[in-house]
Amino acid sequence: MVTIRLSRGGSKKKPFYHFDVKDSRRSRDGRYIERLGYFNPGARGGEERLVIDLDRVTHWAGLGAQTSERVASLLKEARKNVAA
């Protein structure tokens, strides 16, 4: 099964996450099929906190990709920000 989930990057105590489309059997930070955006929980000042390509998410969801719980909540936030 294909999933859309977060992959951790950054350094110790300063996380940075990418939205990745992966085979569910792959490890969290392993090989991915496509990278859809990023999430920076420690964004300050003019830095962007959340960037995601919603068109590609819709494409992968149409092909049957499942999202993790955290990704689903971030997508909800991103869609709310686009509508506002």
N, C-alpha and C. Protein backbone atom coordinates (compact mmCIF):
# COMPACT_ATOMS: atom_id res chain seq x y z
N MET A 1 0.84 -1.17 0.00
CA MET A 1 0.00 0.00 0.00
C MET A 1 0.89 1.24 0.00
N VAL A 2 0.43 2.28 -0.65
CA VAL A 2 1.15 3.55 -0.71
C VAL A 2 0.59 4.47 0.35
N THR A 3 1.49 5.17 1.07
CA THR A 3 1.06 6.08 2.12
C THR A 3 1.71 7.45 1.92
N ILE A 4 1.05 8.46 2.45
CA ILE A 4 1.62 9.81 2.51
C ILE A 4 1.92 10.05 3.98
N ARG A 5 3.19 10.21 4.29
CA ARG A 5 3.59 10.39 5.68
C ARG A 5 4.79 11.31 5.78
N LEU A 6 5.15 11.65 7.02
CA LEU A 6 6.24 12.57 7.28
C LEU A 6 7.57 11.82 7.36
N SER A 7 8.61 12.46 6.86
CA SER A 7 9.97 11.96 6.94
C SER A 7 10.78 13.02 7.68
N ARG A 8 11.48 12.63 8.75
CA ARG A 8 12.17 13.60 9.59
C ARG A 8 13.54 13.95 9.03
N GLY A 9 13.84 15.22 9.11
CA GLY A 9 15.15 15.75 8.74
C GLY A 9 15.56 16.75 9.80
N GLY A 10 16.48 17.61 9.48
CA GLY A 10 16.93 18.61 10.44
C GLY A 10 18.00 18.06 11.36
N SER A 11 18.23 18.75 12.44
CA SER A 11 19.26 18.33 13.39
C SER A 11 18.63 18.07 14.75
N LYS A 12 19.45 17.69 15.68
CA LYS A 12 18.99 17.39 17.03
C LYS A 12 18.29 18.61 17.64
N LYS A 13 17.10 18.40 18.16
CA LYS A 13 16.28 19.44 18.79
C LYS A 13 15.73 20.48 17.81
N LYS A 14 15.98 20.30 16.51
CA LYS A 14 15.45 21.21 15.50
C LYS A 14 14.87 20.40 14.35
N PRO A 15 13.70 19.82 14.54
CA PRO A 15 13.14 18.94 13.50
C PRO A 15 12.66 19.70 12.27
N PHE A 16 12.67 19.00 11.16
CA PHE A 16 12.17 19.48 9.89
C PHE A 16 11.61 18.25 9.19
N TYR A 17 10.39 18.34 8.68
CA TYR A 17 9.74 17.17 8.10
C TYR A 17 9.38 17.41 6.64
N HIS A 18 9.50 16.35 5.83
CA HIS A 18 9.05 16.37 4.45
C HIS A 18 7.80 15.49 4.33
N PHE A 19 6.87 15.92 3.47
CA PHE A 19 5.72 15.09 3.13
C PHE A 19 6.16 14.18 2.00
N ASP A 20 6.18 12.88 2.25
CA ASP A 20 6.64 11.92 1.26
C ASP A 20 5.56 10.91 0.92
N VAL A 21 5.52 10.51 -0.33
CA VAL A 21 4.69 9.39 -0.77
C VAL A 21 5.61 8.17 -0.78
N LYS A 22 5.24 7.14 0.01
CA LYS A 22 6.11 5.97 0.17
C LYS A 22 5.31 4.69 0.12
N ASP A 23 6.04 3.62 -0.16
CA ASP A 23 5.49 2.29 0.05
C ASP A 23 5.44 2.09 1.56
N SER A 24 4.35 1.58 2.06
CA SER A 24 4.18 1.46 3.52
C SER A 24 5.21 0.54 4.17
N ARG A 25 5.87 -0.28 3.39
CA ARG A 25 6.87 -1.20 3.94
C ARG A 25 8.24 -0.53 4.14
N ARG A 26 8.41 0.67 3.64
CA ARG A 26 9.67 1.39 3.78
C ARG A 26 9.78 2.03 5.17
N SER A 27 11.01 2.27 5.60
CA SER A 27 11.23 2.92 6.90
C SER A 27 10.83 4.39 6.83
N ARG A 28 10.72 5.01 7.99
CA ARG A 28 10.27 6.39 8.07
C ARG A 28 11.12 7.33 7.21
N ASP A 29 12.43 7.18 7.29
CA ASP A 29 13.33 8.07 6.56
C ASP A 29 13.92 7.41 5.31
N GLY A 30 13.33 6.32 4.88
CA GLY A 30 13.85 5.57 3.73
C GLY A 30 13.43 6.15 2.40
N ARG A 31 13.56 5.34 1.38
CA ARG A 31 13.29 5.75 0.00
C ARG A 31 11.84 6.19 -0.18
N TYR A 32 11.63 7.21 -0.98
CA TYR A 32 10.29 7.71 -1.25
C TYR A 32 10.01 7.72 -2.75
N ILE A 33 8.72 7.80 -3.08
CA ILE A 33 8.30 7.84 -4.48
C ILE A 33 8.28 9.30 -4.96
N GLU A 34 7.67 10.17 -4.15
CA GLU A 34 7.58 11.58 -4.51
C GLU A 34 7.54 12.42 -3.24
N ARG A 35 8.15 13.59 -3.29
CA ARG A 35 8.16 14.51 -2.16
C ARG A 35 7.16 15.62 -2.49
N LEU A 36 6.20 15.86 -1.57
CA LEU A 36 5.10 16.77 -1.84
C LEU A 36 5.21 18.13 -1.17
N GLY A 37 6.09 18.27 -0.20
CA GLY A 37 6.21 19.54 0.49
C GLY A 37 6.98 19.36 1.79
N TYR A 38 6.84 20.34 2.69
CA TYR A 38 7.53 20.24 3.96
C TYR A 38 6.75 20.89 5.08
N PHE A 39 7.14 20.57 6.31
CA PHE A 39 6.55 21.10 7.53
C PHE A 39 7.71 21.48 8.46
N ASN A 40 7.76 22.74 8.85
CA ASN A 40 8.81 23.24 9.73
C ASN A 40 8.16 23.71 11.04
N PRO A 41 8.10 22.84 12.06
CA PRO A 41 7.40 23.21 13.30
C PRO A 41 8.10 24.33 14.08
N GLY A 42 9.37 24.58 13.82
CA GLY A 42 10.09 25.62 14.54
C GLY A 42 10.27 26.90 13.73
N ALA A 43 9.37 27.16 12.78
CA ALA A 43 9.49 28.34 11.91
C ALA A 43 9.35 29.62 12.73
N ARG A 44 10.22 30.57 12.43
CA ARG A 44 10.19 31.87 13.12
C ARG A 44 10.25 32.97 12.09
N GLY A 45 9.70 34.12 12.45
CA GLY A 45 9.78 35.29 11.58
C GLY A 45 9.13 35.07 10.23
N GLY A 46 9.90 35.26 9.17
CA GLY A 46 9.37 35.16 7.82
C GLY A 46 9.42 33.77 7.23
N GLU A 47 9.87 32.78 8.01
CA GLU A 47 9.96 31.41 7.50
C GLU A 47 8.56 30.81 7.34
N GLU A 48 8.41 29.99 6.33
CA GLU A 48 7.13 29.32 6.11
C GLU A 48 7.06 28.07 6.97
N ARG A 49 5.93 27.87 7.63
CA ARG A 49 5.75 26.72 8.51
C ARG A 49 5.30 25.48 7.75
N LEU A 50 4.43 25.68 6.74
CA LEU A 50 3.82 24.55 6.05
C LEU A 50 3.71 24.86 4.56
N VAL A 51 4.33 24.00 3.74
CA VAL A 51 4.24 24.13 2.28
C VAL A 51 3.94 22.75 1.74
N ILE A 52 2.82 22.65 0.99
CA ILE A 52 2.44 21.35 0.43
C ILE A 52 1.69 21.55 -0.88
N ASP A 53 1.93 20.68 -1.83
CA ASP A 53 1.28 20.72 -3.13
C ASP A 53 -0.04 19.93 -3.02
N LEU A 54 -1.13 20.65 -2.80
CA LEU A 54 -2.43 20.01 -2.58
C LEU A 54 -2.94 19.27 -3.82
N ASP A 55 -2.57 19.74 -5.01
CA ASP A 55 -2.99 19.06 -6.24
C ASP A 55 -2.40 17.65 -6.30
N ARG A 56 -1.12 17.53 -5.94
CA ARG A 56 -0.48 16.21 -5.96
C ARG A 56 -1.02 15.31 -4.85
N VAL A 57 -1.38 15.88 -3.71
CA VAL A 57 -1.99 15.08 -2.64
C VAL A 57 -3.31 14.51 -3.12
N THR A 58 -4.10 15.34 -3.79
CA THR A 58 -5.37 14.88 -4.35
C THR A 58 -5.15 13.79 -5.39
N HIS A 59 -4.13 13.95 -6.21
CA HIS A 59 -3.79 12.93 -7.21
C HIS A 59 -3.48 11.59 -6.55
N TRP A 60 -2.59 11.60 -5.54
CA TRP A 60 -2.21 10.36 -4.88
C TRP A 60 -3.37 9.76 -4.09
N ALA A 61 -4.19 10.60 -3.48
CA ALA A 61 -5.36 10.09 -2.75
C ALA A 61 -6.33 9.42 -3.73
N GLY A 62 -6.44 9.96 -4.93
CA GLY A 62 -7.28 9.36 -5.96
C GLY A 62 -6.77 8.00 -6.41
N LEU A 63 -5.47 7.80 -6.28
CA LEU A 63 -4.87 6.50 -6.64
C LEU A 63 -4.90 5.51 -5.47
N GLY A 64 -5.44 5.94 -4.32
CA GLY A 64 -5.59 5.04 -3.19
C GLY A 64 -4.58 5.20 -2.08
N ALA A 65 -3.78 6.25 -2.10
CA ALA A 65 -2.79 6.46 -1.04
C ALA A 65 -3.49 6.85 0.26
N GLN A 66 -3.03 6.26 1.35
CA GLN A 66 -3.56 6.56 2.68
C GLN A 66 -2.66 7.61 3.33
N THR A 67 -3.23 8.45 4.20
CA THR A 67 -2.43 9.44 4.93
C THR A 67 -2.33 9.03 6.39
N SER A 68 -1.22 9.42 7.00
CA SER A 68 -1.07 9.18 8.43
C SER A 68 -1.96 10.19 9.18
N GLU A 69 -2.16 9.97 10.47
CA GLU A 69 -3.02 10.87 11.24
C GLU A 69 -2.46 12.29 11.27
N ARG A 70 -1.17 12.42 11.49
CA ARG A 70 -0.54 13.74 11.55
C ARG A 70 -0.61 14.44 10.20
N VAL A 71 -0.40 13.73 9.14
CA VAL A 71 -0.48 14.33 7.80
C VAL A 71 -1.90 14.79 7.52
N ALA A 72 -2.89 14.01 7.93
CA ALA A 72 -4.29 14.39 7.72
C ALA A 72 -4.61 15.69 8.44
N SER A 73 -4.13 15.86 9.66
CA SER A 73 -4.40 17.10 10.40
C SER A 73 -3.67 18.29 9.77
N LEU A 74 -2.45 18.08 9.26
CA LEU A 74 -1.73 19.16 8.59
C LEU A 74 -2.38 19.53 7.26
N LEU A 75 -2.91 18.55 6.55
CA LEU A 75 -3.64 18.83 5.31
C LEU A 75 -4.88 19.66 5.58
N LYS A 76 -5.56 19.33 6.66
CA LYS A 76 -6.75 20.09 7.04
C LYS A 76 -6.38 21.55 7.32
N GLU A 77 -5.27 21.74 8.01
CA GLU A 77 -4.77 23.10 8.29
C GLU A 77 -4.39 23.82 7.01
N ALA A 78 -3.72 23.14 6.09
CA ALA A 78 -3.28 23.75 4.84
C ALA A 78 -4.49 24.15 3.98
N ARG A 79 -5.49 23.30 3.93
CA ARG A 79 -6.69 23.62 3.15
C ARG A 79 -7.45 24.79 3.75
N LYS A 80 -7.46 24.88 5.07
CA LYS A 80 -8.12 26.00 5.74
C LYS A 80 -7.39 27.31 5.42
N ASN A 81 -6.05 27.26 5.38
CA ASN A 81 -5.27 28.46 5.08
C ASN A 81 -5.43 28.90 3.62
N VAL A 82 -5.61 27.95 2.71
CA VAL A 82 -5.81 28.28 1.30
C VAL A 82 -7.17 28.94 1.11
N ALA A 83 -8.19 28.46 1.82
CA ALA A 83 -9.54 28.98 1.69
C ALA A 83 -9.65 30.39 2.30
N ALA A 84 -8.82 30.70 3.28
CA ALA A 84 -8.91 32.00 3.97
C ALA A 84 -8.32 33.13 3.19
